[in-house]
Amino acid sequence: MDEDVTRNNSGAAETFNPDLIHAIFKLVWKRRAEKGSGGNEDIDVEPAPETSRRNRSTTANAGALKVSCELLRIFVTEAIRRSAFNAEAEDAVVIEPTHLERVLPQLLLDF
């Protein structure tokens, strides 16, 4: 019984720290703001007309951070799983960067 409880608790701890993800988001937002309008505006979603680049918020709500952490966790887990499958097919004991490089194109298309 104690082993199941430990397994459940460790599963909950195996995610990315929301504070870390928030710090990464803030860094990206800061760099984009410093670039100004030099970025590719065709990709960005246009803000409401009353919102300028200067007064946009650089915060994220807790729900968005939790979802981002979970998506990142699933992405990394799937990348490792696919890389391990390739490594096993080649009778390798260790996952090499080449195994990851081979699965990334399809993985990015899947996500």
PDB file of N, CA and C in Angstrom:
ATOM      1  N   MET A   1       0.829  -1.191   0.000  1.00  0.00           N
ATOM      2  CA  MET A   1       0.000   0.000   0.000  1.00  0.00           C
ATOM      3  C   MET A   1       0.872   1.252   0.000  1.00  0.00           C
ATOM      4  N   ASP A   2       1.912   1.276   0.865  1.00  0.00           N
ATOM      5  CA  ASP A   2       2.791   2.442   0.925  1.00  0.00           C
ATOM      6  C   ASP A   2       3.525   2.657  -0.394  1.00  0.00           C
ATOM      7  N   GLU A   3       3.833   1.556  -1.098  1.00  0.00           N
ATOM      8  CA  GLU A   3       4.529   1.670  -2.372  1.00  0.00           C
ATOM      9  C   GLU A   3       3.654   2.374  -3.404  1.00  0.00           C
ATOM     10  N   ASP A   4       2.337   2.064  -3.417  1.00  0.00           N
ATOM     11  CA  ASP A   4       1.423   2.730  -4.341  1.00  0.00           C
ATOM     12  C   ASP A   4       1.313   4.213  -4.043  1.00  0.00           C
ATOM     13  N   VAL A   5       1.277   4.565  -2.777  1.00  0.00           N
ATOM     14  CA  VAL A   5       1.198   5.973  -2.391  1.00  0.00           C
ATOM     15  C   VAL A   5       2.458   6.704  -2.827  1.00  0.00           C
ATOM     16  N   THR A   6       3.615   6.081  -2.634  1.00  0.00           N
ATOM     17  CA  THR A   6       4.882   6.683  -3.039  1.00  0.00           C
ATOM     18  C   THR A   6       4.928   6.854  -4.550  1.00  0.00           C
ATOM     19  N   ARG A   7       4.460   5.863  -5.278  1.00  0.00           N
ATOM     20  CA  ARG A   7       4.451   5.938  -6.731  1.00  0.00           C
ATOM     21  C   ARG A   7       3.546   7.074  -7.205  1.00  0.00           C
ATOM     22  N   ASN A   8       2.367   7.229  -6.597  1.00  0.00           N
ATOM     23  CA  ASN A   8       1.447   8.298  -6.977  1.00  0.00           C
ATOM     24  C   ASN A   8       2.028   9.666  -6.675  1.00  0.00           C
ATOM     25  N   ASN A   9       2.685   9.816  -5.526  1.00  0.00           N
ATOM     26  CA  ASN A   9       3.279  11.093  -5.172  1.00  0.00           C
ATOM     27  C   ASN A   9       4.447  11.435  -6.079  1.00  0.00           C
ATOM     28  N   SER A  10       5.257  10.441  -6.442  1.00  0.00           N
ATOM     29  CA  SER A  10       6.385  10.711  -7.323  1.00  0.00           C
ATOM     30  C   SER A  10       5.902  11.058  -8.723  1.00  0.00           C
ATOM     31  N   GLY A  11       4.782  10.492  -9.159  1.00  0.00           N
ATOM     32  CA  GLY A  11       4.220  10.823 -10.464  1.00  0.00           C
ATOM     33  C   GLY A  11       3.768  12.259 -10.525  1.00  0.00           C
ATOM     34  N   ALA A  12       3.239  12.763  -9.407  1.00  0.00           N
ATOM     35  CA  ALA A  12       2.802  14.154  -9.372  1.00  0.00           C
ATOM     36  C   ALA A  12       3.990  15.105  -9.371  1.00  0.00           C
ATOM     37  N   ALA A  13       5.127  14.665  -8.824  1.00  0.00           N
ATOM     38  CA  ALA A  13       6.308  15.520  -8.757  1.00  0.00           C
ATOM     39  C   ALA A  13       7.089  15.522 -10.069  1.00  0.00           C
ATOM     40  N   GLU A  14       6.791  14.613 -10.979  1.00  0.00           N
ATOM     41  CA  GLU A  14       7.529  14.503 -12.225  1.00  0.00           C
ATOM     42  C   GLU A  14       6.960  15.438 -13.287  1.00  0.00           C
ATOM     43  N   THR A  15       6.911  16.692 -12.988  1.00  0.00           N
ATOM     44  CA  THR A  15       6.461  17.686 -13.950  1.00  0.00           C
ATOM     45  C   THR A  15       7.381  18.885 -13.857  1.00  0.00           C
ATOM     46  N   PHE A  16       7.239  19.793 -14.783  1.00  0.00           N
ATOM     47  CA  PHE A  16       8.072  20.981 -14.764  1.00  0.00           C
ATOM     48  C   PHE A  16       7.535  21.977 -13.750  1.00  0.00           C
ATOM     49  N   ASN A  17       8.421  22.710 -13.145  1.00  0.00           N
ATOM     50  CA  ASN A  17       8.057  23.703 -12.155  1.00  0.00           C
ATOM     51  C   ASN A  17       7.384  24.885 -12.858  1.00  0.00           C
ATOM     52  N   PRO A  18       6.154  25.237 -12.477  1.00  0.00           N
ATOM     53  CA  PRO A  18       5.474  26.363 -13.125  1.00  0.00           C
ATOM     54  C   PRO A  18       6.264  27.677 -13.027  1.00  0.00           C
ATOM     55  N   ASP A  19       7.013  27.859 -11.942  1.00  0.00           N
ATOM     56  CA  ASP A  19       7.817  29.082 -11.823  1.00  0.00           C
ATOM     57  C   ASP A  19       8.917  29.115 -12.880  1.00  0.00           C
ATOM     58  N   LEU A  20       9.489  27.967 -13.181  1.00  0.00           N
ATOM     59  CA  LEU A  20      10.507  27.885 -14.221  1.00  0.00           C
ATOM     60  C   LEU A  20       9.911  28.207 -15.586  1.00  0.00           C
ATOM     61  N   ILE A  21       8.763  27.630 -15.885  1.00  0.00           N
ATOM     62  CA  ILE A  21       8.102  27.885 -17.168  1.00  0.00           C
ATOM     63  C   ILE A  21       7.716  29.355 -17.272  1.00  0.00           C
ATOM     64  N   HIS A  22       7.226  29.930 -16.172  1.00  0.00           N
ATOM     65  CA  HIS A  22       6.868  31.349 -16.169  1.00  0.00           C
ATOM     66  C   HIS A  22       8.093  32.215 -16.428  1.00  0.00           C
ATOM     67  N   ALA A  23       9.221  31.855 -15.824  1.00  0.00           N
ATOM     68  CA  ALA A  23      10.457  32.617 -16.044  1.00  0.00           C
ATOM     69  C   ALA A  23      10.896  32.520 -17.508  1.00  0.00           C
ATOM     70  N   ILE A  24      10.749  31.348 -18.112  1.00  0.00           N
ATOM     71  CA  ILE A  24      11.089  31.187 -19.528  1.00  0.00           C
ATOM     72  C   ILE A  24      10.175  32.040 -20.388  1.00  0.00           C
ATOM     73  N   PHE A  25       8.875  32.006 -20.102  1.00  0.00           N
ATOM     74  CA  PHE A  25       7.929  32.828 -20.860  1.00  0.00           C
ATOM     75  C   PHE A  25       8.278  34.308 -20.740  1.00  0.00           C
ATOM     76  N   LYS A  26       8.572  34.760 -19.519  1.00  0.00           N
ATOM     77  CA  LYS A  26       8.909  36.167 -19.325  1.00  0.00           C
ATOM     78  C   LYS A  26      10.161  36.558 -20.101  1.00  0.00           C
ATOM     79  N   LEU A  27      11.154  35.670 -20.139  1.00  0.00           N
ATOM     80  CA  LEU A  27      12.374  35.937 -20.890  1.00  0.00           C
ATOM     81  C   LEU A  27      12.071  36.081 -22.382  1.00  0.00           C
ATOM     82  N   VAL A  28      11.250  35.185 -22.913  1.00  0.00           N
ATOM     83  CA  VAL A  28      10.883  35.254 -24.329  1.00  0.00           C
ATOM     84  C   VAL A  28      10.098  36.527 -24.605  1.00  0.00           C
ATOM     85  N   TRP A  29       9.147  36.865 -23.739  1.00  0.00           N
ATOM     86  CA  TRP A  29       8.354  38.081 -23.936  1.00  0.00           C
ATOM     87  C   TRP A  29       9.241  39.323 -23.888  1.00  0.00           C
ATOM     88  N   LYS A  30      10.207  39.319 -22.974  1.00  0.00           N
ATOM     89  CA  LYS A  30      11.112  40.457 -22.849  1.00  0.00           C
ATOM     90  C   LYS A  30      11.955  40.615 -24.109  1.00  0.00           C
ATOM     91  N   ARG A  31      12.479  39.491 -24.612  1.00  0.00           N
ATOM     92  CA  ARG A  31      13.293  39.550 -25.826  1.00  0.00           C
ATOM     93  C   ARG A  31      12.470  40.012 -27.024  1.00  0.00           C
ATOM     94  N   ARG A  32      11.232  39.570 -27.111  1.00  0.00           N
ATOM     95  CA  ARG A  32      10.374  40.022 -28.211  1.00  0.00           C
ATOM     96  C   ARG A  32      10.083  41.507 -28.102  1.00  0.00           C
ATOM     97  N   ALA A  33       9.872  41.980 -26.887  1.00  0.00           N
ATOM     98  CA  ALA A  33       9.597  43.399 -26.692  1.00  0.00           C
ATOM     99  C   ALA A  33      10.812  44.237 -27.054  1.00  0.00           C
ATOM    100  N   GLU A  34      12.022  43.726 -26.750  1.00  0.00           N
ATOM    101  CA  GLU A  34      13.243  44.450 -27.078  1.00  0.00           C
ATOM    102  C   GLU A  34      13.478  44.499 -28.583  1.00  0.00           C
ATOM    103  N   LYS A  35      13.072  43.446 -29.288  1.00  0.00           N
ATOM    104  CA  LYS A  35      13.218  43.423 -30.740  1.00  0.00           C
ATOM    105  C   LYS A  35      12.330  44.473 -31.396  1.00  0.00           C
ATOM    106  N   GLY A  36      11.229  44.763 -30.746  1.00  0.00           N
ATOM    107  CA  GLY A  36      10.283  45.705 -31.327  1.00  0.00           C
ATOM    108  C   GLY A  36       9.469  45.036 -32.410  1.00  0.00           C
ATOM    109  N   SER A  37       9.283  45.715 -33.484  1.00  0.00           N
ATOM    110  CA  SER A  37       8.469  45.164 -34.557  1.00  0.00           C
ATOM    111  C   SER A  37       9.313  44.421 -35.579  1.00  0.00           C
ATOM    112  N   GLY A  38      10.558  44.085 -35.240  1.00  0.00           N
ATOM    113  CA  GLY A  38      11.436  43.388 -36.158  1.00  0.00           C
ATOM    114  C   GLY A  38      11.084  41.925 -36.337  1.00  0.00           C
ATOM    115  N   GLY A  39      10.208  41.380 -35.502  1.00  0.00           N
ATOM    116  CA  GLY A  39       9.842  39.969 -35.587  1.00  0.00           C
ATOM    117  C   GLY A  39       8.890  39.706 -36.728  1.00  0.00           C
ATOM    118  N   ASN A  40       8.545  38.467 -36.911  1.00  0.00           N
ATOM    119  CA  ASN A  40       7.636  38.067 -37.961  1.00  0.00           C
ATOM    120  C   ASN A  40       6.212  38.299 -37.487  1.00  0.00           C
ATOM    121  N   GLU A  41       5.604  39.358 -37.924  1.00  0.00           N
ATOM    122  CA  GLU A  41       4.269  39.721 -37.460  1.00  0.00           C
ATOM    123  C   GLU A  41       3.185  38.850 -38.077  1.00  0.00           C
ATOM    124  N   ASP A  42       3.474  38.149 -39.166  1.00  0.00           N
ATOM    125  CA  ASP A  42       2.474  37.297 -39.789  1.00  0.00           C
ATOM    126  C   ASP A  42       2.100  36.130 -38.891  1.00  0.00           C
ATOM    127  N   ILE A  43       3.022  35.685 -38.051  1.00  0.00           N
ATOM    128  CA  ILE A  43       2.774  34.546 -37.175  1.00  0.00           C
ATOM    129  C   ILE A  43       2.051  34.975 -35.909  1.00  0.00           C
ATOM    130  N   ASP A  44       2.372  36.149 -35.391  1.00  0.00           N
ATOM    131  CA  ASP A  44       1.787  36.609 -34.139  1.00  0.00           C
ATOM    132  C   ASP A  44       0.299  36.872 -34.294  1.00  0.00           C
ATOM    133  N   VAL A  45      -0.445  36.600 -33.227  1.00  0.00           N
ATOM    134  CA  VAL A  45      -1.856  36.931 -33.193  1.00  0.00           C
ATOM    135  C   VAL A  45      -1.965  38.415 -32.897  1.00  0.00           C
ATOM    136  N   GLU A  46      -2.764  39.098 -33.661  1.00  0.00           N
ATOM    137  CA  GLU A  46      -2.893  40.538 -33.471  1.00  0.00           C
ATOM    138  C   GLU A  46      -3.666  40.832 -32.192  1.00  0.00           C
ATOM    139  N   PRO A  47      -3.177  41.755 -31.381  1.00  0.00           N
ATOM    140  CA  PRO A  47      -3.892  42.133 -30.167  1.00  0.00           C
ATOM    141  C   PRO A  47      -5.076  43.025 -30.508  1.00  0.00           C
ATOM    142  N   ALA A  48      -5.894  43.278 -29.521  1.00  0.00           N
ATOM    143  CA  ALA A  48      -7.012  44.191 -29.712  1.00  0.00           C
ATOM    144  C   ALA A  48      -6.470  45.565 -30.078  1.00  0.00           C
ATOM    145  N   PRO A  49      -7.215  46.373 -30.840  1.00  0.00           N
ATOM    146  CA  PRO A  49      -6.707  47.670 -31.282  1.00  0.00           C
ATOM    147  C   PRO A  49      -6.268  48.586 -30.148  1.00  0.00           C
ATOM    148  N   GLU A  50      -6.903  48.485 -29.002  1.00  0.00           N
ATOM    149  CA  GLU A  50      -6.547  49.364 -27.890  1.00  0.00           C
ATOM    150  C   GLU A  50      -5.310  48.887 -27.124  1.00  0.00           C
ATOM    151  N   THR A  51      -4.746  47.737 -27.490  1.00  0.00           N
ATOM    152  CA  THR A  51      -3.570  47.199 -26.807  1.00  0.00           C
ATOM    153  C   THR A  51      -2.344  47.407 -27.679  1.00  0.00           C
ATOM    154  N   SER A  52      -1.370  48.124 -27.151  1.00  0.00           N
ATOM    155  CA  SER A  52      -0.123  48.307 -27.895  1.00  0.00           C
ATOM    156  C   SER A  52       0.918  47.332 -27.365  1.00  0.00           C
ATOM    157  N   ARG A  53       2.040  47.222 -28.071  1.00  0.00           N
ATOM    158  CA  ARG A  53       3.118  46.335 -27.610  1.00  0.00           C
ATOM    159  C   ARG A  53       3.683  46.812 -26.280  1.00  0.00           C
ATOM    160  N   ARG A  54       3.659  48.080 -26.045  1.00  0.00           N
ATOM    161  CA  ARG A  54       4.267  48.621 -24.825  1.00  0.00           C
ATOM    162  C   ARG A  54       3.470  48.302 -23.564  1.00  0.00           C
ATOM    163  N   ASN A  55       2.158  48.210 -23.675  1.00  0.00           N
ATOM    164  CA  ASN A  55       1.383  48.018 -22.452  1.00  0.00           C
ATOM    165  C   ASN A  55       0.773  46.621 -22.332  1.00  0.00           C
ATOM    166  N   ARG A  56       1.247  45.666 -23.121  1.00  0.00           N
ATOM    167  CA  ARG A  56       0.780  44.295 -22.957  1.00  0.00           C
ATOM    168  C   ARG A  56       1.344  43.697 -21.677  1.00  0.00           C
ATOM    169  N   SER A  57       0.581  42.872 -21.051  1.00  0.00           N
ATOM    170  CA  SER A  57       1.004  42.244 -19.799  1.00  0.00           C
ATOM    171  C   SER A  57       2.033  41.155 -20.072  1.00  0.00           C
ATOM    172  N   THR A  58       2.995  41.035 -19.178  1.00  0.00           N
ATOM    173  CA  THR A  58       3.983  39.959 -19.291  1.00  0.00           C
ATOM    174  C   THR A  58       3.765  38.938 -18.187  1.00  0.00           C
ATOM    175  N   THR A  59       2.515  38.717 -17.836  1.00  0.00           N
ATOM    176  CA  THR A  59       2.194  37.723 -16.816  1.00  0.00           C
ATOM    177  C   THR A  59       1.363  36.622 -17.447  1.00  0.00           C
ATOM    178  N   ALA A  60       1.329  35.493 -16.799  1.00  0.00           N
ATOM    179  CA  ALA A  60       0.514  34.362 -17.248  1.00  0.00           C
ATOM    180  C   ALA A  60      -0.254  33.859 -16.044  1.00  0.00           C
ATOM    181  N   ASN A  61      -1.494  33.455 -16.290  1.00  0.00           N
ATOM    182  CA  ASN A  61      -2.265  32.970 -15.148  1.00  0.00           C
ATOM    183  C   ASN A  61      -1.849  31.552 -14.784  1.00  0.00           C
ATOM    184  N   ALA A  62      -2.211  31.132 -13.601  1.00  0.00           N
ATOM    185  CA  ALA A  62      -1.768  29.842 -13.061  1.00  0.00           C
ATOM    186  C   ALA A  62      -2.266  28.673 -13.909  1.00  0.00           C
ATOM    187  N   GLY A  63      -3.479  28.765 -14.412  1.00  0.00           N
ATOM    188  CA  GLY A  63      -4.022  27.685 -15.242  1.00  0.00           C
ATOM    189  C   GLY A  63      -3.229  27.500 -16.527  1.00  0.00           C
ATOM    190  N   ALA A  64      -2.862  28.612 -17.158  1.00  0.00           N
ATOM    191  CA  ALA A  64      -2.079  28.539 -18.387  1.00  0.00           C
ATOM    192  C   ALA A  64      -0.701  27.942 -18.114  1.00  0.00           C
ATOM    193  N   LEU A  65      -0.115  28.290 -16.984  1.00  0.00           N
ATOM    194  CA  LEU A  65       1.188  27.732 -16.633  1.00  0.00           C
ATOM    195  C   LEU A  65       1.106  26.233 -16.371  1.00  0.00           C
ATOM    196  N   LYS A  66       0.048  25.790 -15.692  1.00  0.00           N
ATOM    197  CA  LYS A  66      -0.108  24.365 -15.412  1.00  0.00           C
ATOM    198  C   LYS A  66      -0.286  23.579 -16.707  1.00  0.00           C
ATOM    199  N   VAL A  67      -1.083  24.121 -17.633  1.00  0.00           N
ATOM    200  CA  VAL A  67      -1.298  23.450 -18.913  1.00  0.00           C
ATOM    201  C   VAL A  67      -0.002  23.422 -19.718  1.00  0.00           C
ATOM    202  N   SER A  68       0.742  24.514 -19.700  1.00  0.00           N
ATOM    203  CA  SER A  68       2.023  24.561 -20.414  1.00  0.00           C
ATOM    204  C   SER A  68       3.006  23.543 -19.840  1.00  0.00           C
ATOM    205  N   CYS A  69       3.044  23.431 -18.522  1.00  0.00           N
ATOM    206  CA  CYS A  69       3.929  22.445 -17.876  1.00  0.00           C
ATOM    207  C   CYS A  69       3.531  21.030 -18.261  1.00  0.00           C
ATOM    208  N   GLU A  70       2.253  20.753 -18.269  1.00  0.00           N
ATOM    209  CA  GLU A  70       1.787  19.410 -18.605  1.00  0.00           C
ATOM    210  C   GLU A  70       2.073  19.093 -20.075  1.00  0.00           C
ATOM    211  N   LEU A  71       1.863  20.044 -20.970  1.00  0.00           N
ATOM    212  CA  LEU A  71       2.155  19.827 -22.382  1.00  0.00           C
ATOM    213  C   LEU A  71       3.639  19.586 -22.598  1.00  0.00           C
ATOM    214  N   LEU A  72       4.468  20.347 -21.929  1.00  0.00           N
ATOM    215  CA  LEU A  72       5.913  20.166 -22.034  1.00  0.00           C
ATOM    216  C   LEU A  72       6.335  18.806 -21.490  1.00  0.00           C
ATOM    217  N   ARG A  73       5.739  18.379 -20.377  1.00  0.00           N
ATOM    218  CA  ARG A  73       6.040  17.071 -19.800  1.00  0.00           C
ATOM    219  C   ARG A  73       5.663  15.959 -20.765  1.00  0.00           C
ATOM    220  N   ILE A  74       4.498  16.047 -21.360  1.00  0.00           N
ATOM    221  CA  ILE A  74       4.044  15.024 -22.308  1.00  0.00           C
ATOM    222  C   ILE A  74       4.948  14.999 -23.533  1.00  0.00           C
ATOM    223  N   PHE A  75       5.332  16.171 -24.021  1.00  0.00           N
ATOM    224  CA  PHE A  75       6.208  16.256 -25.190  1.00  0.00           C
ATOM    225  C   PHE A  75       7.555  15.589 -24.918  1.00  0.00           C
ATOM    226  N   VAL A  76       8.161  15.897 -23.783  1.00  0.00           N
ATOM    227  CA  VAL A  76       9.469  15.326 -23.439  1.00  0.00           C
ATOM    228  C   VAL A  76       9.354  13.824 -23.218  1.00  0.00           C
ATOM    229  N   THR A  77       8.303  13.388 -22.545  1.00  0.00           N
ATOM    230  CA  THR A  77       8.095  11.962 -22.309  1.00  0.00           C
ATOM    231  C   THR A  77       7.953  11.203 -23.620  1.00  0.00           C
ATOM    232  N   GLU A  78       7.192  11.758 -24.540  1.00  0.00           N
ATOM    233  CA  GLU A  78       7.000  11.117 -25.834  1.00  0.00           C
ATOM    234  C   GLU A  78       8.296  11.100 -26.639  1.00  0.00           C
ATOM    235  N   ALA A  79       9.077  12.169 -26.568  1.00  0.00           N
ATOM    236  CA  ALA A  79      10.369  12.212 -27.264  1.00  0.00           C
ATOM    237  C   ALA A  79      11.300  11.124 -26.727  1.00  0.00           C
ATOM    238  N   ILE A  80      11.328  10.964 -25.429  1.00  0.00           N
ATOM    239  CA  ILE A  80      12.173   9.924 -24.828  1.00  0.00           C
ATOM    240  C   ILE A  80      11.678   8.534 -25.208  1.00  0.00           C
ATOM    241  N   ARG A  81      10.367   8.343 -25.181  1.00  0.00           N
ATOM    242  CA  ARG A  81       9.800   7.033 -25.519  1.00  0.00           C
ATOM    243  C   ARG A  81      10.138   6.653 -26.961  1.00  0.00           C
ATOM    244  N   ARG A  82       9.941   7.577 -27.885  1.00  0.00           N
ATOM    245  CA  ARG A  82      10.226   7.291 -29.297  1.00  0.00           C
ATOM    246  C   ARG A  82      11.725   7.074 -29.531  1.00  0.00           C
ATOM    247  N   SER A  83      12.544   7.877 -28.862  1.00  0.00           N
ATOM    248  CA  SER A  83      13.995   7.708 -29.000  1.00  0.00           C
ATOM    249  C   SER A  83      14.440   6.368 -28.446  1.00  0.00           C
ATOM    250  N   ALA A  84      13.864   5.956 -27.334  1.00  0.00           N
ATOM    251  CA  ALA A  84      14.203   4.659 -26.741  1.00  0.00           C
ATOM    252  C   ALA A  84      13.793   3.520 -27.664  1.00  0.00           C
ATOM    253  N   PHE A  85      12.657   3.660 -28.321  1.00  0.00           N
ATOM    254  CA  PHE A  85      12.200   2.644 -29.263  1.00  0.00           C
ATOM    255  C   PHE A  85      13.203   2.500 -30.408  1.00  0.00           C
ATOM    256  N   ASN A  86      13.689   3.631 -30.937  1.00  0.00           N
ATOM    257  CA  ASN A  86      14.699   3.597 -31.999  1.00  0.00           C
ATOM    258  C   ASN A  86      16.007   2.995 -31.503  1.00  0.00           C
ATOM    259  N   ALA A  87      16.418   3.362 -30.307  1.00  0.00           N
ATOM    260  CA  ALA A  87      17.655   2.826 -29.749  1.00  0.00           C
ATOM    261  C   ALA A  87      17.550   1.315 -29.562  1.00  0.00           C
ATOM    262  N   GLU A  88      16.403   0.870 -29.089  1.00  0.00           N
ATOM    263  CA  GLU A  88      16.194  -0.567 -28.888  1.00  0.00           C
ATOM    264  C   GLU A  88      16.221  -1.310 -30.220  1.00  0.00           C
ATOM    265  N   ALA A  89      15.672  -0.706 -31.265  1.00  0.00           N
ATOM    266  CA  ALA A  89      15.680  -1.337 -32.586  1.00  0.00           C
ATOM    267  C   ALA A  89      17.103  -1.506 -33.114  1.00  0.00           C
ATOM    268  N   GLU A  90      18.003  -0.625 -32.690  1.00  0.00           N
ATOM    269  CA  GLU A  90      19.404  -0.711 -33.109  1.00  0.00           C
ATOM    270  C   GLU A  90      20.261  -1.470 -32.104  1.00  0.00           C
ATOM    271  N   ASP A  91      19.641  -2.090 -31.133  1.00  0.00           N
ATOM    272  CA  ASP A  91      20.338  -2.826 -30.075  1.00  0.00           C
ATOM    273  C   ASP A  91      21.285  -1.935 -29.275  1.00  0.00           C
ATOM    274  N   ALA A  92      20.951  -0.676 -29.140  1.00  0.00           N
ATOM    275  CA  ALA A  92      21.756   0.245 -28.343  1.00  0.00           C
ATOM    276  C   ALA A  92      21.258   0.215 -26.902  1.00  0.00           C
ATOM    277  N   VAL A  93      22.167   0.399 -25.975  1.00  0.00           N
ATOM    278  CA  VAL A  93      21.821   0.398 -24.556  1.00  0.00           C
ATOM    279  C   VAL A  93      21.478   1.815 -24.091  1.00  0.00           C
ATOM    280  N   VAL A  94      22.075   2.800 -24.729  1.00  0.00           N
ATOM    281  CA  VAL A  94      21.905   4.195 -24.338  1.00  0.00           C
ATOM    282  C   VAL A  94      21.253   4.975 -25.479  1.00  0.00           C
ATOM    283  N   ILE A  95      20.369   5.892 -25.142  1.00  0.00           N
ATOM    284  CA  ILE A  95      19.769   6.765 -26.152  1.00  0.00           C
ATOM    285  C   ILE A  95      20.795   7.827 -26.528  1.00  0.00           C
ATOM    286  N   GLU A  96      21.145   7.860 -27.791  1.00  0.00           N
ATOM    287  CA  GLU A  96      22.114   8.827 -28.304  1.00  0.00           C
ATOM    288  C   GLU A  96      21.378  10.017 -28.906  1.00  0.00           C
ATOM    289  N   PRO A  97      22.048  11.152 -29.054  1.00  0.00           N
ATOM    290  CA  PRO A  97      21.404  12.306 -29.697  1.00  0.00           C
ATOM    291  C   PRO A  97      20.872  12.007 -31.093  1.00  0.00           C
ATOM    292  N   THR A  98      21.518  11.097 -31.802  1.00  0.00           N
ATOM    293  CA  THR A  98      21.029  10.761 -33.146  1.00  0.00           C
ATOM    294  C   THR A  98      19.657  10.100 -33.098  1.00  0.00           C
ATOM    295  N   HIS A  99      19.388   9.340 -32.040  1.00  0.00           N
ATOM    296  CA  HIS A  99      18.061   8.729 -31.906  1.00  0.00           C
ATOM    297  C   HIS A  99      16.999   9.811 -31.750  1.00  0.00           C
ATOM    298  N   LEU A 100      17.313  10.823 -30.966  1.00  0.00           N
ATOM    299  CA  LEU A 100      16.377  11.932 -30.777  1.00  0.00           C
ATOM    300  C   LEU A 100      16.214  12.731 -32.063  1.00  0.00           C
ATOM    301  N   GLU A 101      17.310  12.952 -32.766  1.00  0.00           N
ATOM    302  CA  GLU A 101      17.252  13.713 -34.021  1.00  0.00           C
ATOM    303  C   GLU A 101      16.366  13.018 -35.049  1.00  0.00           C
ATOM    304  N   ARG A 102      16.348  11.712 -35.043  1.00  0.00           N
ATOM    305  CA  ARG A 102      15.532  10.964 -36.006  1.00  0.00           C
ATOM    306  C   ARG A 102      14.043  11.056 -35.713  1.00  0.00           C
ATOM    307  N   VAL A 103      13.667  11.176 -34.440  1.00  0.00           N
ATOM    308  CA  VAL A 103      12.235  11.198 -34.107  1.00  0.00           C
ATOM    309  C   VAL A 103      11.656  12.607 -34.036  1.00  0.00           C
ATOM    310  N   LEU A 104      12.499  13.623 -33.924  1.00  0.00           N
ATOM    311  CA  LEU A 104      11.984  14.985 -33.741  1.00  0.00           C
ATOM    312  C   LEU A 104      11.100  15.493 -34.881  1.00  0.00           C
ATOM    313  N   PRO A 105      11.434  15.277 -36.145  1.00  0.00           N
ATOM    314  CA  PRO A 105      10.550  15.820 -37.200  1.00  0.00           C
ATOM    315  C   PRO A 105       9.111  15.300 -37.086  1.00  0.00           C
ATOM    316  N   GLN A 106       8.945  14.009 -36.937  1.00  0.00           N
ATOM    317  CA  GLN A 106       7.591  13.470 -36.820  1.00  0.00           C
ATOM    318  C   GLN A 106       6.935  13.887 -35.509  1.00  0.00           C
ATOM    319  N   LEU A 107       7.712  13.942 -34.444  1.00  0.00           N
ATOM    320  CA  LEU A 107       7.176  14.353 -33.143  1.00  0.00           C
ATOM    321  C   LEU A 107       6.647  15.775 -33.205  1.00  0.00           C
ATOM    322  N   LEU A 108       7.388  16.666 -33.845  1.00  0.00           N
ATOM    323  CA  LEU A 108       6.927  18.054 -33.975  1.00  0.00           C
ATOM    324  C   LEU A 108       5.665  18.141 -34.828  1.00  0.00           C
ATOM    325  N   LEU A 109       5.573  17.308 -35.852  1.00  0.00           N
ATOM    326  CA  LEU A 109       4.349  17.290 -36.652  1.00  0.00           C
ATOM    327  C   LEU A 109       3.158  16.744 -35.855  1.00  0.00           C
ATOM    328  N   ASP A 110       3.418  15.797 -34.979  1.00  0.00           N
ATOM    329  CA  ASP A 110       2.342  15.214 -34.172  1.00  0.00           C
ATOM    330  C   ASP A 110       1.816  16.182 -33.120  1.00  0.00           C
ATOM    331  N   PHE A 111       2.691  17.038 -32.612  1.00  0.00           N
ATOM    332  CA  PHE A 111       2.260  17.994 -31.605  1.00  0.00           C
ATOM    333  C   PHE A 111       1.849  19.270 -32.278  1.00  0.00           C
TER     334      PHE A 111
END
